[in-house]
Amino acid sequence: MIFTKIIEDEGYDKYDPVGTTDLICPSCKAALREFPDKTIKCPSCKSYINLRTRSSDSKKVILSKEQLDEFAMQGRGLLFNKSKY
């Protein structure tokens, strides 16, 4: 696939995609009853749980507030393996 080749050539394959597809709170790791369809507060720790779709694999993922900036950077292709340059 062309997109995969571009990612490999630029070193983008060296990062771990942020977010989880598991039914857990990203902050306190408490189990969630169902996958949220919008931003909610965790019933356990009251932290915000954000829902986004990852551009790299089109999966819906659960993110903490702290993960949102990194998620946005990954979506724009701004994270890469700097040691290559």
PDB file of N, CA and C in Angstrom:
ATOM      1  N   MET A   1       0.847  -1.180   0.000  1.00  0.00           N
ATOM      2  CA  MET A   1       0.000   0.000   0.000  1.00  0.00           C
ATOM      3  C   MET A   1       0.893   1.244   0.000  1.00  0.00           C
ATOM      4  N   ILE A   2       0.541   2.224  -0.775  1.00  0.00           N
ATOM      5  CA  ILE A   2       1.343   3.442  -0.900  1.00  0.00           C
ATOM      6  C   ILE A   2       1.461   4.164   0.425  1.00  0.00           C
ATOM      7  N   PHE A   3       0.349   4.301   1.149  1.00  0.00           N
ATOM      8  CA  PHE A   3       0.351   5.014   2.432  1.00  0.00           C
ATOM      9  C   PHE A   3       1.316   4.354   3.420  1.00  0.00           C
ATOM     10  N   THR A   4       1.297   3.045   3.489  1.00  0.00           N
ATOM     11  CA  THR A   4       2.192   2.317   4.385  1.00  0.00           C
ATOM     12  C   THR A   4       3.643   2.574   4.010  1.00  0.00           C
ATOM     13  N   LYS A   5       3.952   2.604   2.734  1.00  0.00           N
ATOM     14  CA  LYS A   5       5.322   2.858   2.272  1.00  0.00           C
ATOM     15  C   LYS A   5       5.772   4.262   2.681  1.00  0.00           C
ATOM     16  N   ILE A   6       4.894   5.240   2.538  1.00  0.00           N
ATOM     17  CA  ILE A   6       5.226   6.612   2.942  1.00  0.00           C
ATOM     18  C   ILE A   6       5.514   6.653   4.432  1.00  0.00           C
ATOM     19  N   ILE A   7       4.690   6.002   5.224  1.00  0.00           N
ATOM     20  CA  ILE A   7       4.883   5.978   6.680  1.00  0.00           C
ATOM     21  C   ILE A   7       6.231   5.345   7.011  1.00  0.00           C
ATOM     22  N   GLU A   8       6.552   4.224   6.395  1.00  0.00           N
ATOM     23  CA  GLU A   8       7.823   3.552   6.663  1.00  0.00           C
ATOM     24  C   GLU A   8       9.005   4.430   6.254  1.00  0.00           C
ATOM     25  N   ASP A   9       8.917   5.067   5.094  1.00  0.00           N
ATOM     26  CA  ASP A   9      10.004   5.907   4.602  1.00  0.00           C
ATOM     27  C   ASP A   9      10.271   7.093   5.511  1.00  0.00           C
ATOM     28  N   GLU A  10       9.250   7.635   6.105  1.00  0.00           N
ATOM     29  CA  GLU A  10       9.402   8.820   6.936  1.00  0.00           C
ATOM     30  C   GLU A  10       9.650   8.498   8.403  1.00  0.00           C
ATOM     31  N   GLY A  11       9.605   7.234   8.787  1.00  0.00           N
ATOM     32  CA  GLY A  11       9.861   6.863  10.174  1.00  0.00           C
ATOM     33  C   GLY A  11       8.640   6.953  11.069  1.00  0.00           C
ATOM     34  N   TYR A  12       7.464   7.163  10.483  1.00  0.00           N
ATOM     35  CA  TYR A  12       6.258   7.282  11.297  1.00  0.00           C
ATOM     36  C   TYR A  12       5.865   5.957  11.947  1.00  0.00           C
ATOM     37  N   ASP A  13       6.425   4.866  11.456  1.00  0.00           N
ATOM     38  CA  ASP A  13       6.087   3.561  12.005  1.00  0.00           C
ATOM     39  C   ASP A  13       6.757   3.332  13.356  1.00  0.00           C
ATOM     40  N   LYS A  14       7.531   4.276  13.831  1.00  0.00           N
ATOM     41  CA  LYS A  14       8.286   4.106  15.065  1.00  0.00           C
ATOM     42  C   LYS A  14       7.528   4.578  16.304  1.00  0.00           C
ATOM     43  N   TYR A  15       6.294   5.008  16.168  1.00  0.00           N
ATOM     44  CA  TYR A  15       5.536   5.444  17.338  1.00  0.00           C
ATOM     45  C   TYR A  15       4.401   4.469  17.621  1.00  0.00           C
ATOM     46  N   ASP A  16       3.963   4.458  18.862  1.00  0.00           N
ATOM     47  CA  ASP A  16       2.808   3.649  19.239  1.00  0.00           C
ATOM     48  C   ASP A  16       1.573   4.528  19.143  1.00  0.00           C
ATOM     49  N   PRO A  17       0.564   4.095  18.403  1.00  0.00           N
ATOM     50  CA  PRO A  17      -0.651   4.897  18.301  1.00  0.00           C
ATOM     51  C   PRO A  17      -1.256   5.135  19.685  1.00  0.00           C
ATOM     52  N   VAL A  18      -1.647   6.355  19.937  1.00  0.00           N
ATOM     53  CA  VAL A  18      -2.218   6.712  21.227  1.00  0.00           C
ATOM     54  C   VAL A  18      -3.690   6.309  21.261  1.00  0.00           C
ATOM     55  N   GLY A  19      -4.179   6.028  22.455  1.00  0.00           N
ATOM     56  CA  GLY A  19      -5.574   5.638  22.633  1.00  0.00           C
ATOM     57  C   GLY A  19      -5.720   4.141  22.797  1.00  0.00           C
ATOM     58  N   THR A  20      -6.855   3.756  23.341  1.00  0.00           N
ATOM     59  CA  THR A  20      -7.124   2.329  23.541  1.00  0.00           C
ATOM     60  C   THR A  20      -8.499   1.972  22.994  1.00  0.00           C
ATOM     61  N   THR A  21      -8.622   0.754  22.531  1.00  0.00           N
ATOM     62  CA  THR A  21      -9.915   0.247  22.080  1.00  0.00           C
ATOM     63  C   THR A  21     -10.565  -0.604  23.166  1.00  0.00           C
ATOM     64  N   ASP A  22      -9.860  -0.766  24.284  1.00  0.00           N
ATOM     65  CA  ASP A  22     -10.392  -1.542  25.406  1.00  0.00           C
ATOM     66  C   ASP A  22     -11.405  -0.715  26.191  1.00  0.00           C
ATOM     67  N   LEU A  23     -12.324  -1.391  26.839  1.00  0.00           N
ATOM     68  CA  LEU A  23     -13.343  -0.707  27.632  1.00  0.00           C
ATOM     69  C   LEU A  23     -12.815  -0.378  29.030  1.00  0.00           C
ATOM     70  N   ILE A  24     -11.827   0.496  29.073  1.00  0.00           N
ATOM     71  CA  ILE A  24     -11.260   0.936  30.351  1.00  0.00           C
ATOM     72  C   ILE A  24     -11.054   2.443  30.325  1.00  0.00           C
ATOM     73  N   CYS A  25     -11.117   3.034  31.497  1.00  0.00           N
ATOM     74  CA  CYS A  25     -10.819   4.458  31.620  1.00  0.00           C
ATOM     75  C   CYS A  25      -9.317   4.635  31.415  1.00  0.00           C
ATOM     76  N   PRO A  26      -8.899   5.564  30.559  1.00  0.00           N
ATOM     77  CA  PRO A  26      -7.469   5.764  30.332  1.00  0.00           C
ATOM     78  C   PRO A  26      -6.745   6.383  31.529  1.00  0.00           C
ATOM     79  N   SER A  27      -7.486   6.948  32.456  1.00  0.00           N
ATOM     80  CA  SER A  27      -6.865   7.581  33.626  1.00  0.00           C
ATOM     81  C   SER A  27      -6.723   6.620  34.801  1.00  0.00           C
ATOM     82  N   CYS A  28      -7.819   5.973  35.189  1.00  0.00           N
ATOM     83  CA  CYS A  28      -7.781   5.120  36.388  1.00  0.00           C
ATOM     84  C   CYS A  28      -7.837   3.625  36.082  1.00  0.00           C
ATOM     85  N   LYS A  29      -8.042   3.276  34.816  1.00  0.00           N
ATOM     86  CA  LYS A  29      -8.092   1.877  34.352  1.00  0.00           C
ATOM     87  C   LYS A  29      -9.322   1.113  34.850  1.00  0.00           C
ATOM     88  N   ALA A  30     -10.343   1.835  35.321  1.00  0.00           N
ATOM     89  CA  ALA A  30     -11.589   1.186  35.735  1.00  0.00           C
ATOM     90  C   ALA A  30     -12.334   0.681  34.502  1.00  0.00           C
ATOM     91  N   ALA A  31     -13.007  -0.434  34.653  1.00  0.00           N
ATOM     92  CA  ALA A  31     -13.769  -1.011  33.542  1.00  0.00           C
ATOM     93  C   ALA A  31     -14.981  -0.141  33.228  1.00  0.00           C
ATOM     94  N   LEU A  32     -15.267  -0.003  31.929  1.00  0.00           N
ATOM     95  CA  LEU A  32     -16.451   0.723  31.478  1.00  0.00           C
ATOM     96  C   LEU A  32     -17.491  -0.281  31.022  1.00  0.00           C
ATOM     97  N   ARG A  33     -18.750   0.055  31.172  1.00  0.00           N
ATOM     98  CA  ARG A  33     -19.830  -0.862  30.790  1.00  0.00           C
ATOM     99  C   ARG A  33     -19.984  -0.980  29.275  1.00  0.00           C
ATOM    100  N   GLU A  34     -19.812   0.152  28.584  1.00  0.00           N
ATOM    101  CA  GLU A  34     -19.957   0.150  27.132  1.00  0.00           C
ATOM    102  C   GLU A  34     -19.032   1.195  26.531  1.00  0.00           C
ATOM    103  N   PHE A  35     -18.795   1.054  25.244  1.00  0.00           N
ATOM    104  CA  PHE A  35     -17.929   1.996  24.545  1.00  0.00           C
ATOM    105  C   PHE A  35     -18.678   3.317  24.422  1.00  0.00           C
ATOM    106  N   PRO A  36     -18.091   4.426  24.861  1.00  0.00           N
ATOM    107  CA  PRO A  36     -18.808   5.702  24.791  1.00  0.00           C
ATOM    108  C   PRO A  36     -18.972   6.167  23.344  1.00  0.00           C
ATOM    109  N   ASP A  37     -20.051   6.927  23.098  1.00  0.00           N
ATOM    110  CA  ASP A  37     -20.246   7.485  21.758  1.00  0.00           C
ATOM    111  C   ASP A  37     -19.953   8.979  21.727  1.00  0.00           C
ATOM    112  N   LYS A  38     -19.555   9.521  22.890  1.00  0.00           N
ATOM    113  CA  LYS A  38     -19.161  10.921  22.993  1.00  0.00           C
ATOM    114  C   LYS A  38     -18.312  11.078  24.253  1.00  0.00           C
ATOM    115  N   THR A  39     -17.815  12.279  24.485  1.00  0.00           N
ATOM    116  CA  THR A  39     -17.024  12.541  25.681  1.00  0.00           C
ATOM    117  C   THR A  39     -17.901  12.375  26.915  1.00  0.00           C
ATOM    118  N   ILE A  40     -17.394  11.593  27.874  1.00  0.00           N
ATOM    119  CA  ILE A  40     -18.130  11.348  29.117  1.00  0.00           C
ATOM    120  C   ILE A  40     -17.157  11.503  30.294  1.00  0.00           C
ATOM    121  N   LYS A  41     -17.718  11.487  31.493  1.00  0.00           N
ATOM    122  CA  LYS A  41     -16.888  11.439  32.696  1.00  0.00           C
ATOM    123  C   LYS A  41     -16.862  10.004  33.195  1.00  0.00           C
ATOM    124  N   CYS A  42     -15.688   9.576  33.626  1.00  0.00           N
ATOM    125  CA  CYS A  42     -15.551   8.226  34.169  1.00  0.00           C
ATOM    126  C   CYS A  42     -16.394   8.121  35.431  1.00  0.00           C
ATOM    127  N   PRO A  43     -17.203   7.070  35.555  1.00  0.00           N
ATOM    128  CA  PRO A  43     -18.013   6.903  36.758  1.00  0.00           C
ATOM    129  C   PRO A  43     -17.157   6.680  38.010  1.00  0.00           C
ATOM    130  N   SER A  44     -15.945   6.210  37.826  1.00  0.00           N
ATOM    131  CA  SER A  44     -15.079   5.894  38.951  1.00  0.00           C
ATOM    132  C   SER A  44     -14.249   7.093  39.420  1.00  0.00           C
ATOM    133  N   CYS A  45     -13.471   7.697  38.501  1.00  0.00           N
ATOM    134  CA  CYS A  45     -12.546   8.773  38.906  1.00  0.00           C
ATOM    135  C   CYS A  45     -13.014  10.167  38.489  1.00  0.00           C
ATOM    136  N   LYS A  46     -14.087  10.247  37.707  1.00  0.00           N
ATOM    137  CA  LYS A  46     -14.668  11.516  37.243  1.00  0.00           C
ATOM    138  C   LYS A  46     -13.798  12.273  36.241  1.00  0.00           C
ATOM    139  N   SER A  47     -12.753  11.638  35.704  1.00  0.00           N
ATOM    140  CA  SER A  47     -11.945  12.252  34.650  1.00  0.00           C
ATOM    141  C   SER A  47     -12.704  12.162  33.331  1.00  0.00           C
ATOM    142  N   TYR A  48     -12.427  13.107  32.436  1.00  0.00           N
ATOM    143  CA  TYR A  48     -13.069  13.055  31.129  1.00  0.00           C
ATOM    144  C   TYR A  48     -12.486  11.929  30.295  1.00  0.00           C
ATOM    145  N   ILE A  49     -13.365  11.221  29.612  1.00  0.00           N
ATOM    146  CA  ILE A  49     -12.991  10.164  28.676  1.00  0.00           C
ATOM    147  C   ILE A  49     -13.425  10.644  27.304  1.00  0.00           C
ATOM    148  N   ASN A  50     -12.462  10.796  26.417  1.00  0.00           N
ATOM    149  CA  ASN A  50     -12.721  11.329  25.081  1.00  0.00           C
ATOM    150  C   ASN A  50     -12.724  10.215  24.050  1.00  0.00           C
ATOM    151  N   LEU A  51     -13.546  10.351  23.051  1.00  0.00           N
ATOM    152  CA  LEU A  51     -13.646   9.369  21.979  1.00  0.00           C
ATOM    153  C   LEU A  51     -13.223  10.033  20.674  1.00  0.00           C
ATOM    154  N   ARG A  52     -12.330   9.381  19.957  1.00  0.00           N
ATOM    155  CA  ARG A  52     -11.866   9.880  18.663  1.00  0.00           C
ATOM    156  C   ARG A  52     -11.685   8.688  17.723  1.00  0.00           C
ATOM    157  N   THR A  53     -11.560   8.971  16.434  1.00  0.00           N
ATOM    158  CA  THR A  53     -11.258   7.944  15.438  1.00  0.00           C
ATOM    159  C   THR A  53      -9.835   8.174  14.966  1.00  0.00           C
ATOM    160  N   ARG A  54      -9.002   7.142  15.129  1.00  0.00           N
ATOM    161  CA  ARG A  54      -7.603   7.221  14.717  1.00  0.00           C
ATOM    162  C   ARG A  54      -7.512   7.220  13.197  1.00  0.00           C
ATOM    163  N   SER A  55      -6.746   8.127  12.633  1.00  0.00           N
ATOM    164  CA  SER A  55      -6.616   8.191  11.174  1.00  0.00           C
ATOM    165  C   SER A  55      -5.742   7.067  10.628  1.00  0.00           C
ATOM    166  N   SER A  56      -4.841   6.545  11.453  1.00  0.00           N
ATOM    167  CA  SER A  56      -3.919   5.504  10.967  1.00  0.00           C
ATOM    168  C   SER A  56      -4.609   4.172  10.701  1.00  0.00           C
ATOM    169  N   ASP A  57      -5.659   3.863  11.469  1.00  0.00           N
ATOM    170  CA  ASP A  57      -6.333   2.572  11.282  1.00  0.00           C
ATOM    171  C   ASP A  57      -7.861   2.666  11.327  1.00  0.00           C
ATOM    172  N   SER A  58      -8.397   3.869  11.430  1.00  0.00           N
ATOM    173  CA  SER A  58      -9.845   4.135  11.439  1.00  0.00           C
ATOM    174  C   SER A  58     -10.578   3.483  12.609  1.00  0.00           C
ATOM    175  N   LYS A  59      -9.871   3.179  13.689  1.00  0.00           N
ATOM    176  CA  LYS A  59     -10.502   2.598  14.868  1.00  0.00           C
ATOM    177  C   LYS A  59     -10.923   3.701  15.826  1.00  0.00           C
ATOM    178  N   LYS A  60     -12.084   3.495  16.467  1.00  0.00           N
ATOM    179  CA  LYS A  60     -12.505   4.418  17.514  1.00  0.00           C
ATOM    180  C   LYS A  60     -11.697   4.076  18.759  1.00  0.00           C
ATOM    181  N   VAL A  61     -11.136   5.113  19.377  1.00  0.00           N
ATOM    182  CA  VAL A  61     -10.286   4.912  20.548  1.00  0.00           C
ATOM    183  C   VAL A  61     -10.720   5.823  21.686  1.00  0.00           C
ATOM    184  N   ILE A  62     -10.411   5.368  22.884  1.00  0.00           N
ATOM    185  CA  ILE A  62     -10.694   6.107  24.111  1.00  0.00           C
ATOM    186  C   ILE A  62      -9.408   6.807  24.540  1.00  0.00           C
ATOM    187  N   LEU A  63      -9.529   8.102  24.872  1.00  0.00           N
ATOM    188  CA  LEU A  63      -8.370   8.909  25.236  1.00  0.00           C
ATOM    189  C   LEU A  63      -8.627   9.704  26.517  1.00  0.00           C
ATOM    190  N   SER A  64      -7.568   9.924  27.262  1.00  0.00           N
ATOM    191  CA  SER A  64      -7.649  10.834  28.405  1.00  0.00           C
ATOM    192  C   SER A  64      -7.418  12.254  27.887  1.00  0.00           C
ATOM    193  N   LYS A  65      -7.687  13.236  28.710  1.00  0.00           N
ATOM    194  CA  LYS A  65      -7.442  14.630  28.327  1.00  0.00           C
ATOM    195  C   LYS A  65      -5.971  14.838  27.992  1.00  0.00           C
ATOM    196  N   GLU A  66      -5.094  14.195  28.736  1.00  0.00           N
ATOM    197  CA  GLU A  66      -3.654  14.327  28.534  1.00  0.00           C
ATOM    198  C   GLU A  66      -3.194  13.751  27.194  1.00  0.00           C
ATOM    199  N   GLN A  67      -3.934  12.806  26.643  1.00  0.00           N
ATOM    200  CA  GLN A  67      -3.558  12.153  25.389  1.00  0.00           C
ATOM    201  C   GLN A  67      -4.037  12.899  24.147  1.00  0.00           C
ATOM    202  N   LEU A  68      -4.900  13.885  24.305  1.00  0.00           N
ATOM    203  CA  LEU A  68      -5.507  14.549  23.153  1.00  0.00           C
ATOM    204  C   LEU A  68      -4.491  15.272  22.269  1.00  0.00           C
ATOM    205  N   ASP A  69      -3.520  15.961  22.850  1.00  0.00           N
ATOM    206  CA  ASP A  69      -2.519  16.674  22.042  1.00  0.00           C
ATOM    207  C   ASP A  69      -1.677  15.710  21.217  1.00  0.00           C
ATOM    208  N   GLU A  70      -1.222  14.620  21.860  1.00  0.00           N
ATOM    209  CA  GLU A  70      -0.423  13.630  21.137  1.00  0.00           C
ATOM    210  C   GLU A  70      -1.250  12.989  20.025  1.00  0.00           C
ATOM    211  N   PHE A  71      -2.522  12.731  20.310  1.00  0.00           N
ATOM    212  CA  PHE A  71      -3.412  12.147  19.307  1.00  0.00           C
ATOM    213  C   PHE A  71      -3.522  13.077  18.097  1.00  0.00           C
ATOM    214  N   ALA A  72      -3.683  14.366  18.345  1.00  0.00           N
ATOM    215  CA  ALA A  72      -3.802  15.332  17.258  1.00  0.00           C
ATOM    216  C   ALA A  72      -2.513  15.387  16.431  1.00  0.00           C
ATOM    217  N   MET A  73      -1.377  15.330  17.099  1.00  0.00           N
ATOM    218  CA  MET A  73      -0.103  15.352  16.383  1.00  0.00           C
ATOM    219  C   MET A  73       0.064  14.107  15.524  1.00  0.00           C
ATOM    220  N   GLN A  74      -0.322  12.947  16.046  1.00  0.00           N
ATOM    221  CA  GLN A  74      -0.226  11.714  15.263  1.00  0.00           C
ATOM    222  C   GLN A  74      -1.140  11.778  14.054  1.00  0.00           C
ATOM    223  N   GLY A  75      -2.311  12.353  14.224  1.00  0.00           N
ATOM    224  CA  GLY A  75      -3.262  12.456  13.122  1.00  0.00           C
ATOM    225  C   GLY A  75      -2.763  13.358  12.004  1.00  0.00           C
ATOM    226  N   ARG A  76      -1.945  14.344  12.355  1.00  0.00           N
ATOM    227  CA  ARG A  76      -1.393  15.255  11.353  1.00  0.00           C
ATOM    228  C   ARG A  76      -0.040  14.791  10.833  1.00  0.00           C
ATOM    229  N   GLY A  77       0.433  13.654  11.347  1.00  0.00           N
ATOM    230  CA  GLY A  77       1.716  13.125  10.884  1.00  0.00           C
ATOM    231  C   GLY A  77       2.903  13.903  11.408  1.00  0.00           C
ATOM    232  N   LEU A  78       2.772  14.504  12.582  1.00  0.00           N
ATOM    233  CA  LEU A  78       3.847  15.321  13.126  1.00  0.00           C
ATOM    234  C   LEU A  78       4.792  14.556  14.039  1.00  0.00           C
ATOM    235  N   LEU A  79       4.481  13.307  14.334  1.00  0.00           N
ATOM    236  CA  LEU A  79       5.368  12.503  15.165  1.00  0.00           C
ATOM    237  C   LEU A  79       6.159  11.564  14.278  1.00  0.00           C
ATOM    238  N   PHE A  80       7.442  11.544  14.462  1.00  0.00           N
ATOM    239  CA  PHE A  80       8.269  10.654  13.678  1.00  0.00           C
ATOM    240  C   PHE A  80       9.547  10.357  14.442  1.00  0.00           C
ATOM    241  N   ASN A  81      10.294   9.432  13.940  1.00  0.00           N
ATOM    242  CA  ASN A  81      11.536   9.005  14.579  1.00  0.00           C
ATOM    243  C   ASN A  81      12.631  10.015  14.231  1.00  0.00           C
ATOM    244  N   LYS A  82      12.904  10.921  15.145  1.00  0.00           N
ATOM    245  CA  LYS A  82      13.870  11.992  14.889  1.00  0.00           C
ATOM    246  C   LYS A  82      15.297  11.465  14.770  1.00  0.00           C
ATOM    247  N   SER A  83      15.565  10.293  15.324  1.00  0.00           N
ATOM    248  CA  SER A  83      16.933   9.761  15.266  1.00  0.00           C
ATOM    249  C   SER A  83      17.323   9.418  13.828  1.00  0.00           C
ATOM    250  N   LYS A  84      16.361   9.304  12.939  1.00  0.00           N
ATOM    251  CA  LYS A  84      16.642   8.977  11.539  1.00  0.00           C
ATOM    252  C   LYS A  84      17.269  10.167  10.806  1.00  0.00           C
ATOM    253  N   TYR A  85      17.102  11.382  11.348  1.00  0.00           N
ATOM    254  CA  TYR A  85      17.564  12.592  10.655  1.00  0.00           C
ATOM    255  C   TYR A  85      18.753  13.212  11.315  1.00  0.00           C
TER     256      TYR A  85
END
